[in-house]
């Protein structure tokens, strides 16, 4: 027997369950909200957390961790693509800056090569 075998298991909620509870909770009167939480064995912190995730438009936050290998791979690929896009944006900005610096140095070099005008 493992050392944690006698402890309660952590509950996992599906996105559909969270959305349904949020809708029911928001539609209920103040007095009924506590009854919903007791019936489902939830805490008000669950509602606060789920509402923040829903307000942020984070369906991924409502869905929880990926369920199978393909979902994990898709999530990893999305993260990798976002990282690559950010790197590309930084590289483009650096190249733009280097190009502007090169043009400035060229202009300064050309103006330094011209002989000074005499005052006559």
PDB file of N, CA and C in Angstrom:
ATOM      1  N   UNK A   1       0.843  -1.173   0.000  1.00  0.00           N
ATOM      2  CA  UNK A   1       0.000   0.000   0.000  1.00  0.00           C
ATOM      3  C   UNK A   1       0.893   1.243   0.000  1.00  0.00           C
ATOM      4  N   UNK A   2       0.591   2.196  -0.881  1.00  0.00           N
ATOM      5  CA  UNK A   2       1.386   3.407  -0.974  1.00  0.00           C
ATOM      6  C   UNK A   2       1.082   4.336   0.203  1.00  0.00           C
ATOM      7  N   UNK A   3       1.967   5.269   0.499  1.00  0.00           N
ATOM      8  CA  UNK A   3       1.763   6.138   1.650  1.00  0.00           C
ATOM      9  C   UNK A   3       0.535   7.043   1.522  1.00  0.00           C
ATOM     10  N   UNK A   4       0.075   7.310   0.317  1.00  0.00           N
ATOM     11  CA  UNK A   4      -1.060   8.208   0.127  1.00  0.00           C
ATOM     12  C   UNK A   4      -2.332   7.464  -0.250  1.00  0.00           C
ATOM     13  N   UNK A   5      -2.350   6.172  -0.147  1.00  0.00           N
ATOM     14  CA  UNK A   5      -3.505   5.391  -0.580  1.00  0.00           C
ATOM     15  C   UNK A   5      -4.752   5.695   0.228  1.00  0.00           C
ATOM     16  N   UNK A   6      -4.594   6.058   1.492  1.00  0.00           N
ATOM     17  CA  UNK A   6      -5.759   6.307   2.334  1.00  0.00           C
ATOM     18  C   UNK A   6      -6.274   7.740   2.221  1.00  0.00           C
ATOM     19  N   UNK A   7      -5.597   8.597   1.473  1.00  0.00           N
ATOM     20  CA  UNK A   7      -6.029   9.984   1.319  1.00  0.00           C
ATOM     21  C   UNK A   7      -7.036  10.107   0.183  1.00  0.00           C
ATOM     22  N   UNK A   8      -7.891  11.132   0.245  1.00  0.00           N
ATOM     23  CA  UNK A   8      -8.880  11.314  -0.815  1.00  0.00           C
ATOM     24  C   UNK A   8      -8.222  11.644  -2.153  1.00  0.00           C
ATOM     25  N   UNK A   9      -8.894  11.257  -3.220  1.00  0.00           N
ATOM     26  CA  UNK A   9      -8.400  11.521  -4.570  1.00  0.00           C
ATOM     27  C   UNK A   9      -8.793  12.935  -4.990  1.00  0.00           C
ATOM     28  N   UNK A  10      -7.957  13.557  -5.772  1.00  0.00           N
ATOM     29  CA  UNK A  10      -8.229  14.895  -6.292  1.00  0.00           C
ATOM     30  C   UNK A  10      -9.291  14.795  -7.386  1.00  0.00           C
ATOM     31  N   UNK A  11     -10.298  15.639  -7.310  1.00  0.00           N
ATOM     32  CA  UNK A  11     -11.367  15.621  -8.309  1.00  0.00           C
ATOM     33  C   UNK A  11     -10.947  16.415  -9.534  1.00  0.00           C
ATOM     34  N   UNK A  12     -11.363  15.945 -10.695  1.00  0.00           N
ATOM     35  CA  UNK A  12     -11.096  16.645 -11.952  1.00  0.00           C
ATOM     36  C   UNK A  12     -12.439  16.954 -12.589  1.00  0.00           C
ATOM     37  N   UNK A  13     -12.587  18.189 -13.040  1.00  0.00           N
ATOM     38  CA  UNK A  13     -13.843  18.640 -13.617  1.00  0.00           C
ATOM     39  C   UNK A  13     -13.673  18.896 -15.108  1.00  0.00           C
ATOM     40  N   UNK A  14     -14.657  18.479 -15.891  1.00  0.00           N
ATOM     41  CA  UNK A  14     -14.612  18.718 -17.332  1.00  0.00           C
ATOM     42  C   UNK A  14     -15.028  20.156 -17.621  1.00  0.00           C
ATOM     43  N   UNK A  15     -14.687  20.618 -18.802  1.00  0.00           N
ATOM     44  CA  UNK A  15     -15.053  21.972 -19.204  1.00  0.00           C
ATOM     45  C   UNK A  15     -16.569  22.124 -19.258  1.00  0.00           C
ATOM     46  N   UNK A  16     -17.256  21.083 -19.702  1.00  0.00           N
ATOM     47  CA  UNK A  16     -18.722  21.142 -19.780  1.00  0.00           C
ATOM     48  C   UNK A  16     -19.335  21.275 -18.396  1.00  0.00           C
ATOM     49  N   UNK A  17     -18.799  20.515 -17.431  1.00  0.00           N
ATOM     50  CA  UNK A  17     -19.305  20.590 -16.065  1.00  0.00           C
ATOM     51  C   UNK A  17     -19.090  21.991 -15.491  1.00  0.00           C
ATOM     52  N   UNK A  18     -17.890  22.531 -15.687  1.00  0.00           N
ATOM     53  CA  UNK A  18     -17.582  23.861 -15.172  1.00  0.00           C
ATOM     54  C   UNK A  18     -18.504  24.915 -15.777  1.00  0.00           C
ATOM     55  N   UNK A  19     -18.696  24.841 -17.094  1.00  0.00           N
ATOM     56  CA  UNK A  19     -19.565  25.809 -17.763  1.00  0.00           C
ATOM     57  C   UNK A  19     -20.999  25.690 -17.273  1.00  0.00           C
ATOM     58  N   UNK A  20     -21.476  24.460 -17.080  1.00  0.00           N
ATOM     59  CA  UNK A  20     -22.849  24.245 -16.616  1.00  0.00           C
ATOM     60  C   UNK A  20     -23.032  24.775 -15.199  1.00  0.00           C
ATOM     61  N   UNK A  21     -22.073  24.513 -14.334  1.00  0.00           N
ATOM     62  CA  UNK A  21     -22.165  24.990 -12.947  1.00  0.00           C
ATOM     63  C   UNK A  21     -22.099  26.515 -12.917  1.00  0.00           C
ATOM     64  N   UNK A  22     -21.202  27.111 -13.702  1.00  0.00           N
ATOM     65  CA  UNK A  22     -21.127  28.576 -13.750  1.00  0.00           C
ATOM     66  C   UNK A  22     -22.446  29.184 -14.201  1.00  0.00           C
ATOM     67  N   UNK A  23     -23.050  28.600 -15.234  1.00  0.00           N
ATOM     68  CA  UNK A  23     -24.326  29.123 -15.739  1.00  0.00           C
ATOM     69  C   UNK A  23     -25.419  28.984 -14.677  1.00  0.00           C
ATOM     70  N   UNK A  24     -25.477  27.826 -14.033  1.00  0.00           N
ATOM     71  CA  UNK A  24     -26.488  27.601 -13.001  1.00  0.00           C
ATOM     72  C   UNK A  24     -26.265  28.530 -11.807  1.00  0.00           C
ATOM     73  N   UNK A  25     -25.017  28.690 -11.401  1.00  0.00           N
ATOM     74  CA  UNK A  25     -24.673  29.534 -10.262  1.00  0.00           C
ATOM     75  C   UNK A  25     -25.022  30.993 -10.539  1.00  0.00           C
ATOM     76  N   UNK A  26     -24.693  31.472 -11.741  1.00  0.00           N
ATOM     77  CA  UNK A  26     -24.971  32.862 -12.094  1.00  0.00           C
ATOM     78  C   UNK A  26     -26.467  33.138 -12.224  1.00  0.00           C
ATOM     79  N   UNK A  27     -27.228  32.135 -12.640  1.00  0.00           N
ATOM     80  CA  UNK A  27     -28.670  32.308 -12.811  1.00  0.00           C
ATOM     81  C   UNK A  27     -29.422  32.207 -11.479  1.00  0.00           C
ATOM     82  N   UNK A  28     -28.810  31.617 -10.456  1.00  0.00           N
ATOM     83  CA  UNK A  28     -29.474  31.385  -9.175  1.00  0.00           C
ATOM     84  C   UNK A  28     -29.515  32.658  -8.337  1.00  0.00           C
ATOM     85  N   UNK A  29     -30.507  32.716  -7.429  1.00  0.00           N
ATOM     86  CA  UNK A  29     -30.575  33.807  -6.457  1.00  0.00           C
ATOM     87  C   UNK A  29     -29.460  33.621  -5.444  1.00  0.00           C
ATOM     88  N   UNK A  30     -29.198  34.675  -4.675  1.00  0.00           N
ATOM     89  CA  UNK A  30     -28.107  34.607  -3.691  1.00  0.00           C
ATOM     90  C   UNK A  30     -28.293  33.462  -2.706  1.00  0.00           C
ATOM     91  N   UNK A  31     -29.497  33.221  -2.265  1.00  0.00           N
ATOM     92  CA  UNK A  31     -29.753  32.159  -1.297  1.00  0.00           C
ATOM     93  C   UNK A  31     -29.572  30.768  -1.861  1.00  0.00           C
ATOM     94  N   UNK A  32     -29.759  30.607  -3.145  1.00  0.00           N
ATOM     95  CA  UNK A  32     -29.662  29.291  -3.782  1.00  0.00           C
ATOM     96  C   UNK A  32     -28.232  28.921  -4.150  1.00  0.00           C
ATOM     97  N   UNK A  33     -27.357  29.917  -4.213  1.00  0.00           N
ATOM     98  CA  UNK A  33     -25.982  29.651  -4.653  1.00  0.00           C
ATOM     99  C   UNK A  33     -25.252  28.712  -3.700  1.00  0.00           C
ATOM    100  N   UNK A  34     -25.430  28.918  -2.412  1.00  0.00           N
ATOM    101  CA  UNK A  34     -24.796  28.041  -1.427  1.00  0.00           C
ATOM    102  C   UNK A  34     -25.282  26.608  -1.553  1.00  0.00           C
ATOM    103  N   UNK A  35     -26.570  26.459  -1.867  1.00  0.00           N
ATOM    104  CA  UNK A  35     -27.125  25.112  -2.023  1.00  0.00           C
ATOM    105  C   UNK A  35     -26.500  24.402  -3.219  1.00  0.00           C
ATOM    106  N   UNK A  36     -26.263  25.138  -4.286  1.00  0.00           N
ATOM    107  CA  UNK A  36     -25.616  24.547  -5.475  1.00  0.00           C
ATOM    108  C   UNK A  36     -24.211  24.073  -5.113  1.00  0.00           C
ATOM    109  N   UNK A  37     -23.479  24.912  -4.409  1.00  0.00           N
ATOM    110  CA  UNK A  37     -22.110  24.542  -4.020  1.00  0.00           C
ATOM    111  C   UNK A  37     -22.108  23.313  -3.112  1.00  0.00           C
ATOM    112  N   UNK A  38     -23.021  23.271  -2.142  1.00  0.00           N
ATOM    113  CA  UNK A  38     -23.092  22.111  -1.241  1.00  0.00           C
ATOM    114  C   UNK A  38     -23.485  20.847  -1.997  1.00  0.00           C
ATOM    115  N   UNK A  39     -24.450  20.974  -2.907  1.00  0.00           N
ATOM    116  CA  UNK A  39     -24.910  19.819  -3.673  1.00  0.00           C
ATOM    117  C   UNK A  39     -23.780  19.204  -4.494  1.00  0.00           C
ATOM    118  N   UNK A  40     -22.938  20.060  -5.085  1.00  0.00           N
ATOM    119  CA  UNK A  40     -21.855  19.575  -5.945  1.00  0.00           C
ATOM    120  C   UNK A  40     -20.547  19.351  -5.180  1.00  0.00           C
ATOM    121  N   UNK A  41     -20.516  19.739  -3.917  1.00  0.00           N
ATOM    122  CA  UNK A  41     -19.293  19.576  -3.135  1.00  0.00           C
ATOM    123  C   UNK A  41     -18.200  20.534  -3.576  1.00  0.00           C
ATOM    124  N   UNK A  42     -18.587  21.757  -3.910  1.00  0.00           N
ATOM    125  CA  UNK A  42     -17.648  22.764  -4.401  1.00  0.00           C
ATOM    126  C   UNK A  42     -17.476  23.874  -3.380  1.00  0.00           C
ATOM    127  N   UNK A  43     -16.475  24.702  -3.604  1.00  0.00           N
ATOM    128  CA  UNK A  43     -16.228  25.878  -2.790  1.00  0.00           C
ATOM    129  C   UNK A  43     -16.403  27.114  -3.667  1.00  0.00           C
ATOM    130  N   UNK A  44     -16.623  28.244  -3.023  1.00  0.00           N
ATOM    131  CA  UNK A  44     -16.782  29.484  -3.786  1.00  0.00           C
ATOM    132  C   UNK A  44     -15.505  29.810  -4.564  1.00  0.00           C
ATOM    133  N   UNK A  45     -14.355  29.346  -4.078  1.00  0.00           N
ATOM    134  CA  UNK A  45     -13.097  29.577  -4.791  1.00  0.00           C
ATOM    135  C   UNK A  45     -13.099  28.888  -6.155  1.00  0.00           C
ATOM    136  N   UNK A  46     -13.790  27.749  -6.269  1.00  0.00           N
ATOM    137  CA  UNK A  46     -13.911  27.093  -7.573  1.00  0.00           C
ATOM    138  C   UNK A  46     -14.615  28.031  -8.547  1.00  0.00           C
ATOM    139  N   UNK A  47     -15.712  28.621  -8.103  1.00  0.00           N
ATOM    140  CA  UNK A  47     -16.500  29.514  -8.965  1.00  0.00           C
ATOM    141  C   UNK A  47     -15.661  30.710  -9.377  1.00  0.00           C
ATOM    142  N   UNK A  48     -14.945  31.289  -8.431  1.00  0.00           N
ATOM    143  CA  UNK A  48     -14.106  32.459  -8.730  1.00  0.00           C
ATOM    144  C   UNK A  48     -13.051  32.103  -9.763  1.00  0.00           C
ATOM    145  N   UNK A  49     -12.388  30.984  -9.561  1.00  0.00           N
ATOM    146  CA  UNK A  49     -11.329  30.538 -10.473  1.00  0.00           C
ATOM    147  C   UNK A  49     -11.888  30.265 -11.873  1.00  0.00           C
ATOM    148  N   UNK A  50     -13.009  29.545 -11.946  1.00  0.00           N
ATOM    149  CA  UNK A  50     -13.596  29.202 -13.238  1.00  0.00           C
ATOM    150  C   UNK A  50     -14.116  30.447 -13.942  1.00  0.00           C
ATOM    151  N   UNK A  51     -14.659  31.383 -13.181  1.00  0.00           N
ATOM    152  CA  UNK A  51     -15.183  32.611 -13.783  1.00  0.00           C
ATOM    153  C   UNK A  51     -14.037  33.431 -14.380  1.00  0.00           C
ATOM    154  N   UNK A  52     -12.911  33.508 -13.674  1.00  0.00           N
ATOM    155  CA  UNK A  52     -11.745  34.228 -14.195  1.00  0.00           C
ATOM    156  C   UNK A  52     -11.263  33.593 -15.498  1.00  0.00           C
ATOM    157  N   UNK A  53     -11.218  32.271 -15.522  1.00  0.00           N
ATOM    158  CA  UNK A  53     -10.772  31.569 -16.725  1.00  0.00           C
ATOM    159  C   UNK A  53     -11.736  31.808 -17.877  1.00  0.00           C
ATOM    160  N   UNK A  54     -13.023  31.787 -17.587  1.00  0.00           N
ATOM    161  CA  UNK A  54     -14.018  32.001 -18.639  1.00  0.00           C
ATOM    162  C   UNK A  54     -13.984  33.443 -19.126  1.00  0.00           C
ATOM    163  N   UNK A  55     -13.811  34.394 -18.206  1.00  0.00           N
ATOM    164  CA  UNK A  55     -13.766  35.807 -18.588  1.00  0.00           C
ATOM    165  C   UNK A  55     -12.552  36.113 -19.446  1.00  0.00           C
ATOM    166  N   UNK A  56     -11.474  35.423 -19.185  1.00  0.00           N
ATOM    167  CA  UNK A  56     -10.264  35.633 -19.973  1.00  0.00           C
ATOM    168  C   UNK A  56     -10.357  34.933 -21.326  1.00  0.00           C
ATOM    169  N   UNK A  57     -11.439  34.223 -21.530  1.00  0.00           N
ATOM    170  CA  UNK A  57     -11.600  33.520 -22.800  1.00  0.00           C
ATOM    171  C   UNK A  57     -10.699  32.313 -22.894  1.00  0.00           C
ATOM    172  N   UNK A  58     -10.297  31.800 -21.760  1.00  0.00           N
ATOM    173  CA  UNK A  58      -9.348  30.697 -21.740  1.00  0.00           C
ATOM    174  C   UNK A  58     -10.093  29.372 -21.679  1.00  0.00           C
ATOM    175  N   UNK A  59     -10.542  28.897 -22.818  1.00  0.00           N
ATOM    176  CA  UNK A  59     -11.181  27.586 -22.848  1.00  0.00           C
ATOM    177  C   UNK A  59     -10.201  26.519 -22.398  1.00  0.00           C
ATOM    178  N   UNK A  60      -8.934  26.738 -22.675  1.00  0.00           N
ATOM    179  CA  UNK A  60      -7.922  25.779 -22.228  1.00  0.00           C
ATOM    180  C   UNK A  60      -7.887  25.748 -20.702  1.00  0.00           C
ATOM    181  N   UNK A  61      -8.110  26.904 -20.075  1.00  0.00           N
ATOM    182  CA  UNK A  61      -8.140  26.955 -18.627  1.00  0.00           C
ATOM    183  C   UNK A  61      -9.336  26.219 -18.066  1.00  0.00           C
ATOM    184  N   UNK A  62     -10.456  26.266 -18.769  1.00  0.00           N
ATOM    185  CA  UNK A  62     -11.633  25.536 -18.327  1.00  0.00           C
ATOM    186  C   UNK A  62     -11.480  24.038 -18.576  1.00  0.00           C
ATOM    187  N   UNK A  63     -10.787  23.696 -19.637  1.00  0.00           N
ATOM    188  CA  UNK A  63     -10.682  22.292 -20.018  1.00  0.00           C
ATOM    189  C   UNK A  63      -9.693  21.524 -19.147  1.00  0.00           C
ATOM    190  N   UNK A  64      -8.741  22.214 -18.551  1.00  0.00           N
ATOM    191  CA  UNK A  64      -7.748  21.519 -17.740  1.00  0.00           C
ATOM    192  C   UNK A  64      -6.651  20.949 -18.610  1.00  0.00           C
ATOM    193  N   UNK A  65      -5.894  20.022 -18.075  1.00  0.00           N
ATOM    194  CA  UNK A  65      -4.777  19.474 -18.836  1.00  0.00           C
ATOM    195  C   UNK A  65      -5.265  18.606 -20.000  1.00  0.00           C
ATOM    196  N   UNK A  66      -4.446  18.488 -21.040  1.00  0.00           N
ATOM    197  CA  UNK A  66      -4.829  17.655 -22.188  1.00  0.00           C
ATOM    198  C   UNK A  66      -5.068  16.209 -21.771  1.00  0.00           C
ATOM    199  N   UNK A  67      -6.006  15.559 -22.457  1.00  0.00           N
ATOM    200  CA  UNK A  67      -6.397  14.213 -22.055  1.00  0.00           C
ATOM    201  C   UNK A  67      -5.593  13.110 -22.743  1.00  0.00           C
ATOM    202  N   UNK A  68      -5.210  13.308 -23.964  1.00  0.00           N
ATOM    203  CA  UNK A  68      -4.472  12.230 -24.625  1.00  0.00           C
ATOM    204  C   UNK A  68      -3.201  12.764 -25.280  1.00  0.00           C
ATOM    205  N   UNK A  69      -2.446  11.864 -25.854  1.00  0.00           N
ATOM    206  CA  UNK A  69      -1.142  12.186 -26.423  1.00  0.00           C
ATOM    207  C   UNK A  69      -1.239  13.238 -27.513  1.00  0.00           C
ATOM    208  N   UNK A  70      -2.251  13.139 -28.388  1.00  0.00           N
ATOM    209  CA  UNK A  70      -2.387  14.098 -29.481  1.00  0.00           C
ATOM    210  C   UNK A  70      -2.659  15.503 -28.957  1.00  0.00           C
ATOM    211  N   UNK A  71      -3.480  15.619 -27.924  1.00  0.00           N
ATOM    212  CA  UNK A  71      -3.746  16.929 -27.343  1.00  0.00           C
ATOM    213  C   UNK A  71      -2.477  17.528 -26.756  1.00  0.00           C
ATOM    214  N   UNK A  72      -1.678  16.688 -26.090  1.00  0.00           N
ATOM    215  CA  UNK A  72      -0.417  17.166 -25.521  1.00  0.00           C
ATOM    216  C   UNK A  72       0.530  17.620 -26.624  1.00  0.00           C
ATOM    217  N   UNK A  73       0.580  16.837 -27.711  1.00  0.00           N
ATOM    218  CA  UNK A  73       1.447  17.202 -28.831  1.00  0.00           C
ATOM    219  C   UNK A  73       0.989  18.511 -29.462  1.00  0.00           C
ATOM    220  N   UNK A  74      -0.324  18.673 -29.639  1.00  0.00           N
ATOM    221  CA  UNK A  74      -0.859  19.906 -30.216  1.00  0.00           C
ATOM    222  C   UNK A  74      -0.532  21.099 -29.327  1.00  0.00           C
ATOM    223  N   UNK A  75      -0.685  20.924 -28.032  1.00  0.00           N
ATOM    224  CA  UNK A  75      -0.382  21.998 -27.099  1.00  0.00           C
ATOM    225  C   UNK A  75       1.105  22.352 -27.173  1.00  0.00           C
ATOM    226  N   UNK A  76       1.967  21.356 -27.227  1.00  0.00           N
ATOM    227  CA  UNK A  76       3.409  21.589 -27.316  1.00  0.00           C
ATOM    228  C   UNK A  76       3.764  22.282 -28.629  1.00  0.00           C
ATOM    229  N   UNK A  77       3.127  21.859 -29.726  1.00  0.00           N
ATOM    230  CA  UNK A  77       3.397  22.484 -31.017  1.00  0.00           C
ATOM    231  C   UNK A  77       2.922  23.932 -31.056  1.00  0.00           C
ATOM    232  N   UNK A  78       1.772  24.191 -30.444  1.00  0.00           N
ATOM    233  CA  UNK A  78       1.282  25.580 -30.388  1.00  0.00           C
ATOM    234  C   UNK A  78       2.254  26.457 -29.595  1.00  0.00           C
ATOM    235  N   UNK A  79       2.720  25.941 -28.472  1.00  0.00           N
ATOM    236  CA  UNK A  79       3.669  26.697 -27.655  1.00  0.00           C
ATOM    237  C   UNK A  79       4.964  26.933 -28.430  1.00  0.00           C
ATOM    238  N   UNK A  80       5.403  25.914 -29.150  1.00  0.00           N
ATOM    239  CA  UNK A  80       6.629  26.043 -29.951  1.00  0.00           C
ATOM    240  C   UNK A  80       6.439  27.063 -31.077  1.00  0.00           C
ATOM    241  N   UNK A  81       5.265  27.059 -31.715  1.00  0.00           N
ATOM    242  CA  UNK A  81       4.985  28.012 -32.784  1.00  0.00           C
ATOM    243  C   UNK A  81       4.935  29.438 -32.240  1.00  0.00           C
ATOM    244  N   UNK A  82       4.315  29.623 -31.080  1.00  0.00           N
ATOM    245  CA  UNK A  82       4.261  30.955 -30.474  1.00  0.00           C
ATOM    246  C   UNK A  82       5.667  31.451 -30.138  1.00  0.00           C
ATOM    247  N   UNK A  83       6.494  30.552 -29.626  1.00  0.00           N
ATOM    248  CA  UNK A  83       7.864  30.918 -29.290  1.00  0.00           C
ATOM    249  C   UNK A  83       8.640  31.294 -30.559  1.00  0.00           C
ATOM    250  N   UNK A  84       8.439  30.526 -31.628  1.00  0.00           N
ATOM    251  CA  UNK A  84       9.125  30.804 -32.894  1.00  0.00           C
ATOM    252  C   UNK A  84       8.664  32.138 -33.480  1.00  0.00           C
ATOM    253  N   UNK A  85       7.366  32.429 -33.372  1.00  0.00           N
ATOM    254  CA  UNK A  85       6.852  33.711 -33.875  1.00  0.00           C
ATOM    255  C   UNK A  85       7.431  34.877 -33.083  1.00  0.00           C
ATOM    256  N   UNK A  86       7.554  34.717 -31.775  1.00  0.00           N
ATOM    257  CA  UNK A  86       8.144  35.776 -30.962  1.00  0.00           C
ATOM    258  C   UNK A  86       9.613  35.970 -31.333  1.00  0.00           C
ATOM    259  N   UNK A  87      10.329  34.876 -31.539  1.00  0.00           N
ATOM    260  CA  UNK A  87      11.733  34.951 -31.954  1.00  0.00           C
ATOM    261  C   UNK A  87      11.855  35.637 -33.314  1.00  0.00           C
ATOM    262  N   UNK A  88      10.963  35.298 -34.232  1.00  0.00           N
ATOM    263  CA  UNK A  88      10.970  35.922 -35.548  1.00  0.00           C
ATOM    264  C   UNK A  88      10.719  37.423 -35.453  1.00  0.00           C
ATOM    265  N   UNK A  89       9.789  37.832 -34.608  1.00  0.00           N
ATOM    266  CA  UNK A  89       9.500  39.255 -34.434  1.00  0.00           C
ATOM    267  C   UNK A  89      10.726  39.986 -33.879  1.00  0.00           C
ATOM    268  N   UNK A  90      11.409  39.368 -32.901  1.00  0.00           N
ATOM    269  CA  UNK A  90      12.622  39.983 -32.348  1.00  0.00           C
ATOM    270  C   UNK A  90      13.713  40.085 -33.410  1.00  0.00           C
ATOM    271  N   UNK A  91      13.854  39.042 -34.221  1.00  0.00           N
ATOM    272  CA  UNK A  91      14.867  39.042 -35.272  1.00  0.00           C
ATOM    273  C   UNK A  91      14.575  40.118 -36.309  1.00  0.00           C
ATOM    274  N   UNK A  92      13.307  40.241 -36.713  1.00  0.00           N
ATOM    275  CA  UNK A  92      12.933  41.282 -37.677  1.00  0.00           C
ATOM    276  C   UNK A  92      13.218  42.670 -37.117  1.00  0.00           C
ATOM    277  N   UNK A  93      12.908  42.889 -35.846  1.00  0.00           N
ATOM    278  CA  UNK A  93      13.162  44.186 -35.224  1.00  0.00           C
ATOM    279  C   UNK A  93      14.664  44.469 -35.185  1.00  0.00           C
ATOM    280  N   UNK A  94      15.462  43.446 -34.867  1.00  0.00           N
ATOM    281  CA  UNK A  94      16.912  43.628 -34.820  1.00  0.00           C
ATOM    282  C   UNK A  94      17.469  43.929 -36.209  1.00  0.00           C
ATOM    283  N   UNK A  95      16.973  43.223 -37.224  1.00  0.00           N
ATOM    284  CA  UNK A  95      17.437  43.480 -38.589  1.00  0.00           C
ATOM    285  C   UNK A  95      17.055  44.877 -39.047  1.00  0.00           C
ATOM    286  N   UNK A  96      15.869  45.317 -38.686  1.00  0.00           N
ATOM    287  CA  UNK A  96      15.422  46.664 -39.033  1.00  0.00           C
ATOM    288  C   UNK A  96      16.337  47.693 -38.374  1.00  0.00           C
ATOM    289  N   UNK A  97      16.678  47.467 -37.119  1.00  0.00           N
ATOM    290  CA  UNK A  97      17.559  48.380 -36.397  1.00  0.00           C
ATOM    291  C   UNK A  97      18.952  48.401 -37.016  1.00  0.00           C
ATOM    292  N   UNK A  98      19.470  47.224 -37.366  1.00  0.00           N
ATOM    293  CA  UNK A  98      20.795  47.141 -37.990  1.00  0.00           C
ATOM    294  C   UNK A  98      20.776  47.860 -39.343  1.00  0.00           C
ATOM    295  N   UNK A  99      19.699  47.694 -40.100  1.00  0.00           N
ATOM    296  CA  UNK A  99      19.589  48.378 -41.391  1.00  0.00           C
ATOM    297  C   UNK A  99      19.583  49.885 -41.236  1.00  0.00           C
ATOM    298  N   UNK A 100      18.861  50.387 -40.251  1.00  0.00           N
ATOM    299  CA  UNK A 100      18.826  51.832 -40.005  1.00  0.00           C
ATOM    300  C   UNK A 100      20.191  52.337 -39.551  1.00  0.00           C
ATOM    301  N   UNK A 101      20.867  51.572 -38.700  1.00  0.00           N
ATOM    302  CA  UNK A 101      22.199  51.961 -38.242  1.00  0.00           C
ATOM    303  C   UNK A 101      23.174  51.980 -39.413  1.00  0.00           C
ATOM    304  N   UNK A 102      23.062  50.998 -40.299  1.00  0.00           N
ATOM    305  CA  UNK A 102      23.931  50.948 -41.481  1.00  0.00           C
ATOM    306  C   UNK A 102      23.696  52.171 -42.360  1.00  0.00           C
ATOM    307  N   UNK A 103      22.457  52.531 -42.591  1.00  0.00           N
ATOM    308  CA  UNK A 103      22.145  53.692 -43.419  1.00  0.00           C
ATOM    309  C   UNK A 103      22.687  54.972 -42.786  1.00  0.00           C
ATOM    310  N   UNK A 104      22.578  55.091 -41.479  1.00  0.00           N
ATOM    311  CA  UNK A 104      23.093  56.269 -40.784  1.00  0.00           C
ATOM    312  C   UNK A 104      24.608  56.343 -40.911  1.00  0.00           C
ATOM    313  N   UNK A 105      25.281  55.208 -40.709  1.00  0.00           N
ATOM    314  CA  UNK A 105      26.742  55.197 -40.838  1.00  0.00           C
ATOM    315  C   UNK A 105      27.181  55.519 -42.260  1.00  0.00           C
ATOM    316  N   UNK A 106      26.442  55.037 -43.225  1.00  0.00           N
ATOM    317  CA  UNK A 106      26.756  55.340 -44.624  1.00  0.00           C
ATOM    318  C   UNK A 106      26.629  56.836 -44.889  1.00  0.00           C
ATOM    319  N   UNK A 107      25.589  57.436 -44.381  1.00  0.00           N
ATOM    320  CA  UNK A 107      25.364  58.874 -44.555  1.00  0.00           C
ATOM    321  C   UNK A 107      26.482  59.662 -43.877  1.00  0.00           C
ATOM    322  N   UNK A 108      26.858  59.261 -42.681  1.00  0.00           N
ATOM    323  CA  UNK A 108      27.949  59.949 -41.985  1.00  0.00           C
ATOM    324  C   UNK A 108      29.265  59.782 -42.724  1.00  0.00           C
ATOM    325  N   UNK A 109      29.501  58.599 -43.258  1.00  0.00           N
ATOM    326  CA  UNK A 109      30.731  58.322 -43.992  1.00  0.00           C
ATOM    327  C   UNK A 109      30.814  59.184 -45.250  1.00  0.00           C
ATOM    328  N   UNK A 110      29.705  59.302 -45.966  1.00  0.00           N
ATOM    329  CA  UNK A 110      29.678  60.122 -47.181  1.00  0.00           C
ATOM    330  C   UNK A 110      29.922  61.589 -46.859  1.00  0.00           C
ATOM    331  N   UNK A 111      29.343  62.071 -45.782  1.00  0.00           N
ATOM    332  CA  UNK A 111      29.527  63.482 -45.433  1.00  0.00           C
ATOM    333  C   UNK A 111      30.944  63.736 -44.933  1.00  0.00           C
ATOM    334  N   UNK A 112      31.607  62.744 -44.366  1.00  0.00           N
ATOM    335  CA  UNK A 112      32.980  62.909 -43.895  1.00  0.00           C
ATOM    336  C   UNK A 112      33.965  62.883 -45.054  1.00  0.00           C
ATOM    337  N   UNK A 113      33.626  62.216 -46.155  1.00  0.00           N
ATOM    338  CA  UNK A 113      34.527  62.122 -47.303  1.00  0.00           C
ATOM    339  C   UNK A 113      34.548  63.400 -48.129  1.00  0.00           C
ATOM    340  N   UNK A 114      33.528  64.215 -48.054  1.00  0.00           N
ATOM    341  CA  UNK A 114      33.482  65.452 -48.837  1.00  0.00           C
ATOM    342  C   UNK A 114      34.435  66.470 -48.219  1.00  0.00           C
ATOM    343  N   UNK A 115      35.196  67.139 -49.078  1.00  0.00           N
ATOM    344  CA  UNK A 115      36.148  68.157 -48.547  1.00  0.00           C
ATOM    345  C   UNK A 115      35.362  69.330 -47.964  1.00  0.00           C
ATOM    346  N   UNK A 116      35.922  69.942 -46.955  1.00  0.00           N
ATOM    347  CA  UNK A 116      35.239  71.108 -46.372  1.00  0.00           C
ATOM    348  C   UNK A 116      35.178  72.260 -47.359  1.00  0.00           C
ATOM    349  N   UNK A 117      34.127  73.027 -47.314  1.00  0.00           N
ATOM    350  CA  UNK A 117      33.974  74.182 -48.201  1.00  0.00           C
ATOM    351  C   UNK A 117      34.840  75.326 -47.703  1.00  0.00           C
ATOM    352  N   UNK A 118      35.445  76.012 -48.657  1.00  0.00           N
ATOM    353  CA  UNK A 118      36.254  77.172 -48.278  1.00  0.00           C
ATOM    354  C   UNK A 118      35.353  78.402 -48.224  1.00  0.00           C
ATOM    355  N   UNK A 119      35.771  79.377 -47.415  1.00  0.00           N
ATOM    356  CA  UNK A 119      34.948  80.569 -47.259  1.00  0.00           C
ATOM    357  C   UNK A 119      35.460  81.668 -48.187  1.00  0.00           C
ATOM    358  N   UNK A 120      35.061  81.724 -49.338  1.00  0.00           N
ATOM    359  CA  UNK A 120      35.463  82.762 -50.288  1.00  0.00           C
ATOM    360  C   UNK A 120      34.325  83.540 -50.757  1.00  0.00           C
TER     361      UNK A 120
END
